[in-house]
């Protein structure tokens, strides 16, 4: 059996994630640092050419939930790697007294992959953390082709914003209070949860200086109309957070922001821009939802109406999978989920 390589440092691991074909910013040690400031503990499992960043959160009865956001990173077709990975993951989870390990790999949903996970002892989880379905925009063509792939109304709105005097610029540290206030107002208006001001401030502190993230601000006559945060690592870029004011929506600031994000990601050498989250019904059967008359309302449907016009491709990932590590602990976890569902 080959000798194991020493564990990677956080910096070396993040470089590995950036190079990996399924690498994701949520798998970086830098992301684990962010989550570590807000209630999670972290662990890093590394072997020669594969591994995973893990997050641990204490459960009410004393055990922990172990979570691999958008991981692990491994060659799923290599049985030897999988055995070594699973052994290392179990050891790290035991060290943290985990009742279960939840994974959400950046792998497209497929029956063969589900079978692989089941053979490893995983079962489909009743709780997902990340969106299962999303839209990817191909950034490899030139800008004219990317625009041509959009729906005509979206191209028109991008140009309209510019004609009407909407400007887009990079956000700075001094802009954070205005961005945070806008995020709170947007969450209250649209009925979705937002992070604390401290969370966005820490994320900005960690990800903006190394060039992994940027805030983009759309303004009109000096007023902030909308803002988004975009993250990029390796070949991928992600639309992570966004907020918009009630006023002057007719100026199309959100279209201008997404176009600026696409251009920013291309300038960084990214080849894919992930719009991060659409109704999973679309991911399950895109053809069934090709006609706008089939679309729902509320929830992610309003978001989908906006995102689908940018000319991307619907992608559906394998979703969340649980590996029970303690039979009593996992039973308690499932019961807690059911009770919370009833309370909700």
C-alpha atoms as a PDB file:
ATOM      1  CA  UNK A   1       0.000   0.000   0.000  1.00  0.00           C
ATOM      2  CA  UNK A   2       1.488   3.397  -0.964  1.00  0.00           C
ATOM      3  CA  UNK A   3       2.590   5.661   1.840  1.00  0.00           C
ATOM      4  CA  UNK A   4       0.131   8.436   2.602  1.00  0.00           C
ATOM      5  CA  UNK A   5       1.194  11.976   1.924  1.00  0.00           C
ATOM      6  CA  UNK A   6       1.188  14.493   4.795  1.00  0.00           C
ATOM      7  CA  UNK A   7      -2.017  16.526   5.205  1.00  0.00           C
ATOM      8  CA  UNK A   8      -2.165  19.663   3.091  1.00  0.00           C
ATOM      9  CA  UNK A   9      -2.017  23.118   4.619  1.00  0.00           C
ATOM     10  CA  UNK A  10      -5.094  25.316   4.251  1.00  0.00           C
ATOM     11  CA  UNK A  11      -3.376  27.299   1.484  1.00  0.00           C
ATOM     12  CA  UNK A  12      -2.300  24.176  -0.423  1.00  0.00           C
ATOM     13  CA  UNK A  13      -5.782  22.695  -0.048  1.00  0.00           C
ATOM     14  CA  UNK A  14      -7.424  25.818  -1.456  1.00  0.00           C
ATOM     15  CA  UNK A  15      -5.048  25.716  -4.422  1.00  0.00           C
ATOM     16  CA  UNK A  16      -6.029  22.070  -4.937  1.00  0.00           C
ATOM     17  CA  UNK A  17      -9.729  22.996  -4.820  1.00  0.00           C
ATOM     18  CA  UNK A  18      -9.167  25.721  -7.415  1.00  0.00           C
ATOM     19  CA  UNK A  19      -7.513  23.211  -9.783  1.00  0.00           C
ATOM     20  CA  UNK A  20      -9.985  20.387  -9.238  1.00  0.00           C
ATOM     21  CA  UNK A  21     -12.551  19.863 -12.043  1.00  0.00           C
ATOM     22  CA  UNK A  22     -15.336  19.794  -9.430  1.00  0.00           C
ATOM     23  CA  UNK A  23     -13.757  22.350  -7.130  1.00  0.00           C
ATOM     24  CA  UNK A  24     -16.117  24.737  -5.383  1.00  0.00           C
ATOM     25  CA  UNK A  25     -15.534  27.776  -3.200  1.00  0.00           C
ATOM     26  CA  UNK A  26     -17.627  26.123  -0.457  1.00  0.00           C
ATOM     27  CA  UNK A  27     -14.954  23.434  -0.233  1.00  0.00           C
ATOM     28  CA  UNK A  28     -12.160  25.882   0.562  1.00  0.00           C
ATOM     29  CA  UNK A  29     -10.541  26.230   3.953  1.00  0.00           C
ATOM     30  CA  UNK A  30     -11.301  29.924   3.593  1.00  0.00           C
ATOM     31  CA  UNK A  31     -15.039  29.152   3.535  1.00  0.00           C
ATOM     32  CA  UNK A  32     -14.579  26.960   6.602  1.00  0.00           C
ATOM     33  CA  UNK A  33     -12.958  29.945   8.353  1.00  0.00           C
ATOM     34  CA  UNK A  34     -16.044  32.013   7.578  1.00  0.00           C
ATOM     35  CA  UNK A  35     -18.407  29.358   8.903  1.00  0.00           C
ATOM     36  CA  UNK A  36     -16.155  28.858  11.914  1.00  0.00           C
ATOM     37  CA  UNK A  37     -16.918  32.392  13.036  1.00  0.00           C
ATOM     38  CA  UNK A  38     -20.628  31.604  13.039  1.00  0.00           C
ATOM     39  CA  UNK A  39     -21.132  28.423  14.996  1.00  0.00           C
ATOM     40  CA  UNK A  40     -19.366  25.705  13.020  1.00  0.00           C
ATOM     41  CA  UNK A  41     -16.131  23.843  13.682  1.00  0.00           C
ATOM     42  CA  UNK A  42     -14.011  22.646  10.786  1.00  0.00           C
ATOM     43  CA  UNK A  43     -11.920  19.685   9.783  1.00  0.00           C
ATOM     44  CA  UNK A  44      -9.845  18.939   6.715  1.00  0.00           C
ATOM     45  CA  UNK A  45      -9.284  15.464   5.300  1.00  0.00           C
ATOM     46  CA  UNK A  46      -6.585  15.309   2.625  1.00  0.00           C
ATOM     47  CA  UNK A  47      -4.936  12.457   0.807  1.00  0.00           C
ATOM     48  CA  UNK A  48      -2.828  12.346  -2.341  1.00  0.00           C
ATOM     49  CA  UNK A  49      -5.149  13.905  -4.923  1.00  0.00           C
ATOM     50  CA  UNK A  50      -8.449  13.844  -3.035  1.00  0.00           C
ATOM     51  CA  UNK A  51     -10.098  14.914   0.191  1.00  0.00           C
ATOM     52  CA  UNK A  52     -12.742  17.126   1.738  1.00  0.00           C
ATOM     53  CA  UNK A  53     -13.312  20.166   3.878  1.00  0.00           C
ATOM     54  CA  UNK A  54     -15.757  19.279   6.652  1.00  0.00           C
ATOM     55  CA  UNK A  55     -17.938  21.439   8.868  1.00  0.00           C
ATOM     56  CA  UNK A  56     -19.250  20.265  12.228  1.00  0.00           C
ATOM     57  CA  UNK A  57     -22.217  21.633  14.177  1.00  0.00           C
ATOM     58  CA  UNK A  58     -23.278  20.453  17.618  1.00  0.00           C
ATOM     59  CA  UNK A  59     -26.660  18.716  17.835  1.00  0.00           C
ATOM     60  CA  UNK A  60     -28.914  19.218  20.879  1.00  0.00           C
ATOM     61  CA  UNK A  61     -28.141  15.777  22.322  1.00  0.00           C
ATOM     62  CA  UNK A  62     -24.366  16.245  22.277  1.00  0.00           C
ATOM     63  CA  UNK A  63     -23.276  14.619  19.017  1.00  0.00           C
ATOM     64  CA  UNK A  64     -22.456  16.630  15.902  1.00  0.00           C
ATOM     65  CA  UNK A  65     -23.609  16.847  12.329  1.00  0.00           C
ATOM     66  CA  UNK A  66     -20.702  16.589   9.886  1.00  0.00           C
ATOM     67  CA  UNK A  67     -21.188  18.351   6.567  1.00  0.00           C
ATOM     68  CA  UNK A  68     -19.137  18.421   3.359  1.00  0.00           C
ATOM     69  CA  UNK A  69     -20.500  21.397   1.384  1.00  0.00           C
ATOM     70  CA  UNK A  70     -20.074  20.706  -2.332  1.00  0.00           C
ATOM     71  CA  UNK A  71     -17.721  17.864  -1.497  1.00  0.00           C
ATOM     72  CA  UNK A  72     -15.893  15.564  -1.166  1.00  0.00           C
ATOM     73  CA  UNK A  73     -13.461  16.064  -4.040  1.00  0.00           C
ATOM     74  CA  UNK A  74     -12.480  12.645  -5.316  1.00  0.00           C
ATOM     75  CA  UNK A  75     -12.458  10.500  -8.431  1.00  0.00           C
ATOM     76  CA  UNK A  76     -15.784   8.743  -7.901  1.00  0.00           C
ATOM     77  CA  UNK A  77     -14.825   6.094 -10.467  1.00  0.00           C
ATOM     78  CA  UNK A  78     -11.720   5.022  -8.522  1.00  0.00           C
ATOM     79  CA  UNK A  79     -12.609   2.352  -5.898  1.00  0.00           C
ATOM     80  CA  UNK A  80      -9.226   2.593  -4.157  1.00  0.00           C
ATOM     81  CA  UNK A  81      -9.562   6.350  -3.728  1.00  0.00           C
ATOM     82  CA  UNK A  82     -13.094   5.975  -2.444  1.00  0.00           C
ATOM     83  CA  UNK A  83     -12.055   3.392   0.148  1.00  0.00           C
ATOM     84  CA  UNK A  84      -9.202   5.578   1.367  1.00  0.00           C
ATOM     85  CA  UNK A  85     -11.433   8.648   1.433  1.00  0.00           C
ATOM     86  CA  UNK A  86     -14.212   6.938   3.360  1.00  0.00           C
ATOM     87  CA  UNK A  87     -11.765   5.620   5.930  1.00  0.00           C
ATOM     88  CA  UNK A  88     -10.329   9.103   6.468  1.00  0.00           C
ATOM     89  CA  UNK A  89     -13.770  10.727   6.602  1.00  0.00           C
ATOM     90  CA  UNK A  90     -15.021   8.235   9.174  1.00  0.00           C
ATOM     91  CA  UNK A  91     -11.942   8.820  11.326  1.00  0.00           C
ATOM     92  CA  UNK A  92     -12.373  12.596  11.257  1.00  0.00           C
ATOM     93  CA  UNK A  93     -16.088  12.300  11.988  1.00  0.00           C
ATOM     94  CA  UNK A  94     -15.388   9.971  14.925  1.00  0.00           C
ATOM     95  CA  UNK A  95     -13.002  12.543  16.327  1.00  0.00           C
ATOM     96  CA  UNK A  96     -15.875  15.036  16.372  1.00  0.00           C
ATOM     97  CA  UNK A  97     -18.487  12.528  17.654  1.00  0.00           C
ATOM     98  CA  UNK A  98     -20.597  12.878  14.522  1.00  0.00           C
ATOM     99  CA  UNK A  99     -23.988  11.182  14.330  1.00  0.00           C
ATOM    100  CA  UNK A 100     -23.989  11.485  10.543  1.00  0.00           C
ATOM    101  CA  UNK A 101     -22.017  12.812   7.614  1.00  0.00           C
ATOM    102  CA  UNK A 102     -23.972  14.864   5.086  1.00  0.00           C
ATOM    103  CA  UNK A 103     -22.409  15.420   1.664  1.00  0.00           C
ATOM    104  CA  UNK A 104     -23.546  17.468  -1.335  1.00  0.00           C
ATOM    105  CA  UNK A 105     -21.068  16.646  -4.099  1.00  0.00           C
ATOM    106  CA  UNK A 106     -20.681  18.876  -7.138  1.00  0.00           C
ATOM    107  CA  UNK A 107     -21.685  15.928  -9.328  1.00  0.00           C
ATOM    108  CA  UNK A 108     -24.531  15.946 -11.842  1.00  0.00           C
ATOM    109  CA  UNK A 109     -27.435  13.705 -10.830  1.00  0.00           C
ATOM    110  CA  UNK A 110     -27.302  10.261 -12.443  1.00  0.00           C
ATOM    111  CA  UNK A 111     -28.572   6.797 -11.442  1.00  0.00           C
ATOM    112  CA  UNK A 112     -25.057   5.312 -11.590  1.00  0.00           C
ATOM    113  CA  UNK A 113     -23.736   7.922  -9.168  1.00  0.00           C
ATOM    114  CA  UNK A 114     -26.632   7.325  -6.778  1.00  0.00           C
ATOM    115  CA  UNK A 115     -25.784   3.613  -6.840  1.00  0.00           C
ATOM    116  CA  UNK A 116     -22.145   4.380  -5.996  1.00  0.00           C
ATOM    117  CA  UNK A 117     -23.205   6.422  -2.977  1.00  0.00           C
ATOM    118  CA  UNK A 118     -25.610   3.739  -1.801  1.00  0.00           C
ATOM    119  CA  UNK A 119     -22.874   1.123  -2.043  1.00  0.00           C
ATOM    120  CA  UNK A 120     -20.758   3.338   0.230  1.00  0.00           C
ATOM    121  CA  UNK A 121     -23.563   3.389   2.821  1.00  0.00           C
ATOM    122  CA  UNK A 122     -25.124   6.762   1.978  1.00  0.00           C
ATOM    123  CA  UNK A 123     -28.849   7.339   1.733  1.00  0.00           C
ATOM    124  CA  UNK A 124     -30.732  10.216   0.112  1.00  0.00           C
ATOM    125  CA  UNK A 125     -31.080  12.931   2.734  1.00  0.00           C
ATOM    126  CA  UNK A 126     -34.410  14.474   3.744  1.00  0.00           C
ATOM    127  CA  UNK A 127     -32.592  17.783   4.220  1.00  0.00           C
ATOM    128  CA  UNK A 128     -30.774  19.705   1.502  1.00  0.00           C
ATOM    129  CA  UNK A 129     -28.599  22.720   2.250  1.00  0.00           C
ATOM    130  CA  UNK A 130     -27.545  23.901  -1.211  1.00  0.00           C
ATOM    131  CA  UNK A 131     -29.806  24.291  -4.269  1.00  0.00           C
ATOM    132  CA  UNK A 132     -30.034  21.066  -6.222  1.00  0.00           C
ATOM    133  CA  UNK A 133     -30.806  22.721  -9.567  1.00  0.00           C
ATOM    134  CA  UNK A 134     -29.180  25.774 -11.069  1.00  0.00           C
ATOM    135  CA  UNK A 135     -28.314  27.502 -14.356  1.00  0.00           C
ATOM    136  CA  UNK A 136     -24.800  27.638 -15.817  1.00  0.00           C
ATOM    137  CA  UNK A 137     -23.770  30.290 -18.307  1.00  0.00           C
ATOM    138  CA  UNK A 138     -20.953  29.324 -20.670  1.00  0.00           C
ATOM    139  CA  UNK A 139     -18.326  32.078 -20.520  1.00  0.00           C
ATOM    140  CA  UNK A 140     -15.975  30.694 -23.164  1.00  0.00           C
ATOM    141  CA  UNK A 141     -17.422  32.530 -26.202  1.00  0.00           C
ATOM    142  CA  UNK A 142     -16.827  36.227 -26.725  1.00  0.00           C
ATOM    143  CA  UNK A 143     -19.210  38.754 -25.221  1.00  0.00           C
ATOM    144  CA  UNK A 144     -21.219  39.181 -28.410  1.00  0.00           C
ATOM    145  CA  UNK A 145     -22.075  35.464 -28.463  1.00  0.00           C
ATOM    146  CA  UNK A 146     -22.983  35.445 -24.760  1.00  0.00           C
ATOM    147  CA  UNK A 147     -25.354  38.358 -25.365  1.00  0.00           C
ATOM    148  CA  UNK A 148     -26.817  36.677 -28.444  1.00  0.00           C
ATOM    149  CA  UNK A 149     -27.690  33.587 -26.368  1.00  0.00           C
ATOM    150  CA  UNK A 150     -29.799  35.694 -24.010  1.00  0.00           C
ATOM    151  CA  UNK A 151     -33.470  36.325 -24.611  1.00  0.00           C
ATOM    152  CA  UNK A 152     -33.985  39.531 -26.621  1.00  0.00           C
ATOM    153  CA  UNK A 153     -35.706  41.292 -23.712  1.00  0.00           C
ATOM    154  CA  UNK A 154     -32.698  40.621 -21.479  1.00  0.00           C
ATOM    155  CA  UNK A 155     -30.272  42.091 -24.019  1.00  0.00           C
ATOM    156  CA  UNK A 156     -32.589  45.075 -24.370  1.00  0.00           C
ATOM    157  CA  UNK A 157     -32.759  45.565 -20.597  1.00  0.00           C
ATOM    158  CA  UNK A 158     -28.966  45.478 -20.237  1.00  0.00           C
ATOM    159  CA  UNK A 159     -28.667  48.213 -22.853  1.00  0.00           C
ATOM    160  CA  UNK A 160     -31.621  50.110 -21.408  1.00  0.00           C
ATOM    161  CA  UNK A 161     -29.937  50.329 -18.007  1.00  0.00           C
ATOM    162  CA  UNK A 162     -26.871  51.840 -19.616  1.00  0.00           C
ATOM    163  CA  UNK A 163     -28.889  54.298 -21.711  1.00  0.00           C
ATOM    164  CA  UNK A 164     -30.872  55.422 -18.683  1.00  0.00           C
ATOM    165  CA  UNK A 165     -27.703  56.215 -16.772  1.00  0.00           C
ATOM    166  CA  UNK A 166     -27.367  53.217 -14.453  1.00  0.00           C
ATOM    167  CA  UNK A 167     -23.720  52.705 -13.553  1.00  0.00           C
ATOM    168  CA  UNK A 168     -22.075  49.621 -12.051  1.00  0.00           C
ATOM    169  CA  UNK A 169     -18.959  49.729  -9.923  1.00  0.00           C
ATOM    170  CA  UNK A 170     -17.035  47.525  -7.513  1.00  0.00           C
ATOM    171  CA  UNK A 171     -18.082  47.882  -3.903  1.00  0.00           C
ATOM    172  CA  UNK A 172     -15.628  49.040  -1.251  1.00  0.00           C
ATOM    173  CA  UNK A 173     -15.466  48.536   2.499  1.00  0.00           C
ATOM    174  CA  UNK A 174     -17.201  51.882   3.038  1.00  0.00           C
ATOM    175  CA  UNK A 175     -20.195  50.595   1.032  1.00  0.00           C
ATOM    176  CA  UNK A 176     -20.901  47.683   3.382  1.00  0.00           C
ATOM    177  CA  UNK A 177     -23.428  49.449   5.661  1.00  0.00           C
ATOM    178  CA  UNK A 178     -25.541  50.454   2.643  1.00  0.00           C
ATOM    179  CA  UNK A 179     -25.262  46.941   1.158  1.00  0.00           C
ATOM    180  CA  UNK A 180     -26.240  45.321   4.455  1.00  0.00           C
ATOM    181  CA  UNK A 181     -29.246  47.616   4.856  1.00  0.00           C
ATOM    182  CA  UNK A 182     -30.350  46.798   1.317  1.00  0.00           C
ATOM    183  CA  UNK A 183     -30.020  43.065   1.999  1.00  0.00           C
ATOM    184  CA  UNK A 184     -32.202  43.386   5.104  1.00  0.00           C
ATOM    185  CA  UNK A 185     -34.889  45.313   3.232  1.00  0.00           C
ATOM    186  CA  UNK A 186     -34.874  42.829   0.371  1.00  0.00           C
ATOM    187  CA  UNK A 187     -35.189  39.865   2.730  1.00  0.00           C
ATOM    188  CA  UNK A 188     -38.095  41.484   4.564  1.00  0.00           C
ATOM    189  CA  UNK A 189     -39.850  42.387   1.311  1.00  0.00           C
ATOM    190  CA  UNK A 190     -39.409  39.046  -0.443  1.00  0.00           C
ATOM    191  CA  UNK A 191     -39.706  36.814   2.611  1.00  0.00           C
ATOM    192  CA  UNK A 192     -36.315  35.088   2.619  1.00  0.00           C
ATOM    193  CA  UNK A 193     -33.680  34.797   5.291  1.00  0.00           C
ATOM    194  CA  UNK A 194     -30.528  36.884   5.175  1.00  0.00           C
ATOM    195  CA  UNK A 195     -27.293  36.583   7.101  1.00  0.00           C
ATOM    196  CA  UNK A 196     -26.288  38.987   9.815  1.00  0.00           C
ATOM    197  CA  UNK A 197     -24.367  42.163   9.054  1.00  0.00           C
ATOM    198  CA  UNK A 198     -21.371  40.562  10.752  1.00  0.00           C
ATOM    199  CA  UNK A 199     -21.525  37.580   8.379  1.00  0.00           C
ATOM    200  CA  UNK A 200     -21.382  39.718   5.240  1.00  0.00           C
ATOM    201  CA  UNK A 201     -18.637  41.855   6.756  1.00  0.00           C
ATOM    202  CA  UNK A 202     -16.512  38.794   7.572  1.00  0.00           C
ATOM    203  CA  UNK A 203     -17.126  37.255   4.137  1.00  0.00           C
ATOM    204  CA  UNK A 204     -16.012  40.520   2.556  1.00  0.00           C
ATOM    205  CA  UNK A 205     -12.907  40.612   4.737  1.00  0.00           C
ATOM    206  CA  UNK A 206     -11.943  37.060   3.827  1.00  0.00           C
ATOM    207  CA  UNK A 207     -12.793  36.822   0.121  1.00  0.00           C
ATOM    208  CA  UNK A 208     -12.458  40.271  -1.423  1.00  0.00           C
ATOM    209  CA  UNK A 209      -8.753  41.032  -0.714  1.00  0.00           C
ATOM    210  CA  UNK A 210      -7.473  37.832  -2.410  1.00  0.00           C
ATOM    211  CA  UNK A 211      -9.701  38.531  -5.425  1.00  0.00           C
ATOM    212  CA  UNK A 212     -12.053  35.596  -4.877  1.00  0.00           C
ATOM    213  CA  UNK A 213     -15.093  37.832  -4.440  1.00  0.00           C
ATOM    214  CA  UNK A 214     -16.418  41.232  -5.365  1.00  0.00           C
ATOM    215  CA  UNK A 215     -19.474  43.288  -4.544  1.00  0.00           C
ATOM    216  CA  UNK A 216     -20.990  44.937  -7.606  1.00  0.00           C
ATOM    217  CA  UNK A 217     -23.193  47.983  -7.044  1.00  0.00           C
ATOM    218  CA  UNK A 218     -25.739  49.421  -9.471  1.00  0.00           C
ATOM    219  CA  UNK A 219     -26.334  53.135  -8.912  1.00  0.00           C
ATOM    220  CA  UNK A 220     -28.430  55.891 -10.437  1.00  0.00           C
ATOM    221  CA  UNK A 221     -27.729  59.545  -9.733  1.00  0.00           C
ATOM    222  CA  UNK A 222     -25.642  58.509  -6.744  1.00  0.00           C
ATOM    223  CA  UNK A 223     -28.314  56.247  -5.211  1.00  0.00           C
ATOM    224  CA  UNK A 224     -27.761  52.539  -4.613  1.00  0.00           C
ATOM    225  CA  UNK A 225     -30.393  50.562  -6.530  1.00  0.00           C
ATOM    226  CA  UNK A 226     -29.074  47.006  -6.257  1.00  0.00           C
ATOM    227  CA  UNK A 227     -26.012  44.998  -5.195  1.00  0.00           C
ATOM    228  CA  UNK A 228     -24.716  41.487  -5.729  1.00  0.00           C
ATOM    229  CA  UNK A 229     -21.783  39.456  -4.444  1.00  0.00           C
ATOM    230  CA  UNK A 230     -19.984  37.249  -6.964  1.00  0.00           C
ATOM    231  CA  UNK A 231     -17.350  34.659  -6.021  1.00  0.00           C
ATOM    232  CA  UNK A 232     -14.896  32.952  -8.355  1.00  0.00           C
ATOM    233  CA  UNK A 233     -12.407  30.112  -8.000  1.00  0.00           C
ATOM    234  CA  UNK A 234     -10.635  28.235 -10.766  1.00  0.00           C
ATOM    235  CA  UNK A 235     -12.907  27.837 -13.774  1.00  0.00           C
ATOM    236  CA  UNK A 236     -16.126  28.606 -11.858  1.00  0.00           C
ATOM    237  CA  UNK A 237     -17.881  31.777 -10.724  1.00  0.00           C
ATOM    238  CA  UNK A 238     -21.038  31.979  -8.592  1.00  0.00           C
ATOM    239  CA  UNK A 239     -23.737  34.559  -8.009  1.00  0.00           C
ATOM    240  CA  UNK A 240     -23.899  34.278  -4.222  1.00  0.00           C
ATOM    241  CA  UNK A 241     -25.975  37.099  -2.679  1.00  0.00           C
ATOM    242  CA  UNK A 242     -28.118  39.866  -4.067  1.00  0.00           C
ATOM    243  CA  UNK A 243     -30.385  42.719  -3.006  1.00  0.00           C
ATOM    244  CA  UNK A 244     -32.393  45.438  -4.723  1.00  0.00           C
ATOM    245  CA  UNK A 245     -34.404  48.491  -3.783  1.00  0.00           C
ATOM    246  CA  UNK A 246     -38.096  48.964  -4.520  1.00  0.00           C
ATOM    247  CA  UNK A 247     -37.431  52.190  -6.358  1.00  0.00           C
ATOM    248  CA  UNK A 248     -36.457  52.554 -10.017  1.00  0.00           C
ATOM    249  CA  UNK A 249     -36.805  48.906 -10.963  1.00  0.00           C
ATOM    250  CA  UNK A 250     -37.783  50.123 -14.433  1.00  0.00           C
ATOM    251  CA  UNK A 251     -34.123  51.124 -14.872  1.00  0.00           C
ATOM    252  CA  UNK A 252     -33.187  47.406 -14.906  1.00  0.00           C
ATOM    253  CA  UNK A 253     -30.292  47.555 -12.427  1.00  0.00           C
ATOM    254  CA  UNK A 254     -30.363  43.781 -11.823  1.00  0.00           C
ATOM    255  CA  UNK A 255     -29.823  43.043 -15.509  1.00  0.00           C
ATOM    256  CA  UNK A 256     -26.902  45.480 -15.525  1.00  0.00           C
ATOM    257  CA  UNK A 257     -25.395  43.779 -12.467  1.00  0.00           C
ATOM    258  CA  UNK A 258     -25.552  40.276 -13.905  1.00  0.00           C
ATOM    259  CA  UNK A 259     -23.934  41.454 -17.125  1.00  0.00           C
ATOM    260  CA  UNK A 260     -21.176  43.111 -15.090  1.00  0.00           C
ATOM    261  CA  UNK A 261     -20.746  39.879 -13.111  1.00  0.00           C
ATOM    262  CA  UNK A 262     -20.424  37.856 -16.321  1.00  0.00           C
ATOM    263  CA  UNK A 263     -17.758  40.227 -17.595  1.00  0.00           C
ATOM    264  CA  UNK A 264     -15.906  40.190 -14.247  1.00  0.00           C
ATOM    265  CA  UNK A 265     -15.874  36.383 -14.213  1.00  0.00           C
ATOM    266  CA  UNK A 266     -14.623  36.212 -17.823  1.00  0.00           C
ATOM    267  CA  UNK A 267     -11.859  38.688 -17.019  1.00  0.00           C
ATOM    268  CA  UNK A 268     -10.725  36.364 -14.220  1.00  0.00           C
ATOM    269  CA  UNK A 269     -10.501  33.450 -16.657  1.00  0.00           C
ATOM    270  CA  UNK A 270     -13.640  31.612 -15.501  1.00  0.00           C
ATOM    271  CA  UNK A 271     -15.422  29.457 -18.049  1.00  0.00           C
ATOM    272  CA  UNK A 272     -18.727  28.927 -16.199  1.00  0.00           C
ATOM    273  CA  UNK A 273     -20.977  31.330 -14.272  1.00  0.00           C
ATOM    274  CA  UNK A 274     -23.381  29.611 -11.870  1.00  0.00           C
ATOM    275  CA  UNK A 275     -26.568  31.585 -11.192  1.00  0.00           C
ATOM    276  CA  UNK A 276     -27.084  29.536  -8.024  1.00  0.00           C
ATOM    277  CA  UNK A 277     -30.509  28.128  -7.505  1.00  0.00           C
ATOM    278  CA  UNK A 278     -33.762  27.582  -9.422  1.00  0.00           C
ATOM    279  CA  UNK A 279     -36.875  25.477  -8.657  1.00  0.00           C
ATOM    280  CA  UNK A 280     -35.853  21.834  -8.576  1.00  0.00           C
ATOM    281  CA  UNK A 281     -38.882  20.901 -10.670  1.00  0.00           C
ATOM    282  CA  UNK A 282     -37.149  22.568 -13.616  1.00  0.00           C
ATOM    283  CA  UNK A 283     -33.960  20.624 -12.990  1.00  0.00           C
ATOM    284  CA  UNK A 284     -35.849  17.343 -12.857  1.00  0.00           C
ATOM    285  CA  UNK A 285     -37.587  17.904 -16.212  1.00  0.00           C
ATOM    286  CA  UNK A 286     -36.519  21.065 -18.096  1.00  0.00           C
ATOM    287  CA  UNK A 287     -38.663  20.245 -21.124  1.00  0.00           C
ATOM    288  CA  UNK A 288     -41.817  20.129 -19.000  1.00  0.00           C
ATOM    289  CA  UNK A 289     -41.153  23.717 -17.932  1.00  0.00           C
ATOM    290  CA  UNK A 290     -40.072  25.137 -21.276  1.00  0.00           C
ATOM    291  CA  UNK A 291     -43.351  27.063 -21.535  1.00  0.00           C
ATOM    292  CA  UNK A 292     -43.670  29.993 -19.069  1.00  0.00           C
ATOM    293  CA  UNK A 293     -47.350  29.086 -18.604  1.00  0.00           C
ATOM    294  CA  UNK A 294     -46.181  25.975 -16.727  1.00  0.00           C
ATOM    295  CA  UNK A 295     -44.192  27.965 -14.183  1.00  0.00           C
ATOM    296  CA  UNK A 296     -45.353  28.375 -10.622  1.00  0.00           C
ATOM    297  CA  UNK A 297     -45.407  31.481  -8.477  1.00  0.00           C
ATOM    298  CA  UNK A 298     -43.697  32.367  -5.220  1.00  0.00           C
ATOM    299  CA  UNK A 299     -40.585  30.735  -3.836  1.00  0.00           C
ATOM    300  CA  UNK A 300     -37.835  30.402  -6.428  1.00  0.00           C
ATOM    301  CA  UNK A 301     -40.169  30.847  -9.393  1.00  0.00           C
ATOM    302  CA  UNK A 302     -39.752  34.611  -9.487  1.00  0.00           C
ATOM    303  CA  UNK A 303     -36.005  34.139  -9.343  1.00  0.00           C
ATOM    304  CA  UNK A 304     -36.214  31.599 -12.163  1.00  0.00           C
ATOM    305  CA  UNK A 305     -38.143  34.033 -14.378  1.00  0.00           C
ATOM    306  CA  UNK A 306     -35.215  36.406 -14.053  1.00  0.00           C
ATOM    307  CA  UNK A 307     -32.339  33.928 -14.335  1.00  0.00           C
ATOM    308  CA  UNK A 308     -33.604  31.861 -17.255  1.00  0.00           C
ATOM    309  CA  UNK A 309     -33.428  34.824 -19.609  1.00  0.00           C
ATOM    310  CA  UNK A 310     -29.631  34.986 -19.515  1.00  0.00           C
ATOM    311  CA  UNK A 311     -29.270  32.057 -21.874  1.00  0.00           C
ATOM    312  CA  UNK A 312     -27.706  29.450 -19.632  1.00  0.00           C
ATOM    313  CA  UNK A 313     -28.127  25.694 -19.314  1.00  0.00           C
ATOM    314  CA  UNK A 314     -30.119  24.011 -16.550  1.00  0.00           C
ATOM    315  CA  UNK A 315     -27.965  21.718 -14.414  1.00  0.00           C
ATOM    316  CA  UNK A 316     -29.182  19.385 -11.664  1.00  0.00           C
ATOM    317  CA  UNK A 317     -26.781  18.038  -9.059  1.00  0.00           C
ATOM    318  CA  UNK A 318     -27.001  14.818  -7.075  1.00  0.00           C
ATOM    319  CA  UNK A 319     -28.314  16.575  -3.971  1.00  0.00           C
ATOM    320  CA  UNK A 320     -27.697  15.794  -0.315  1.00  0.00           C
ATOM    321  CA  UNK A 321     -26.783  12.340   0.979  1.00  0.00           C
ATOM    322  CA  UNK A 322     -26.434  11.138   4.563  1.00  0.00           C
ATOM    323  CA  UNK A 323     -24.032   8.557   5.923  1.00  0.00           C
ATOM    324  CA  UNK A 324     -25.398   7.404   9.320  1.00  0.00           C
ATOM    325  CA  UNK A 325     -22.506   6.983  11.755  1.00  0.00           C
ATOM    326  CA  UNK A 326     -24.564   6.388  14.906  1.00  0.00           C
ATOM    327  CA  UNK A 327     -27.878   4.589  14.580  1.00  0.00           C
ATOM    328  CA  UNK A 328     -29.450   6.267  17.638  1.00  0.00           C
ATOM    329  CA  UNK A 329     -28.004   9.654  16.720  1.00  0.00           C
ATOM    330  CA  UNK A 330     -29.243   9.465  13.138  1.00  0.00           C
ATOM    331  CA  UNK A 331     -32.707   8.401  14.317  1.00  0.00           C
ATOM    332  CA  UNK A 332     -32.815  11.453  16.591  1.00  0.00           C
ATOM    333  CA  UNK A 333     -31.711  13.661  13.708  1.00  0.00           C
ATOM    334  CA  UNK A 334     -34.506  12.352  11.458  1.00  0.00           C
ATOM    335  CA  UNK A 335     -37.042  12.838  14.238  1.00  0.00           C
ATOM    336  CA  UNK A 336     -35.843  16.407  14.824  1.00  0.00           C
ATOM    337  CA  UNK A 337     -36.303  17.180  11.123  1.00  0.00           C
ATOM    338  CA  UNK A 338     -39.875  15.863  11.182  1.00  0.00           C
ATOM    339  CA  UNK A 339     -40.728  17.846  14.317  1.00  0.00           C
ATOM    340  CA  UNK A 340     -39.285  21.031  12.823  1.00  0.00           C
ATOM    341  CA  UNK A 341     -41.257  20.447   9.613  1.00  0.00           C
ATOM    342  CA  UNK A 342     -44.476  20.206  11.623  1.00  0.00           C
ATOM    343  CA  UNK A 343     -43.604  23.349  13.598  1.00  0.00           C
ATOM    344  CA  UNK A 344     -42.894  25.248  10.397  1.00  0.00           C
END
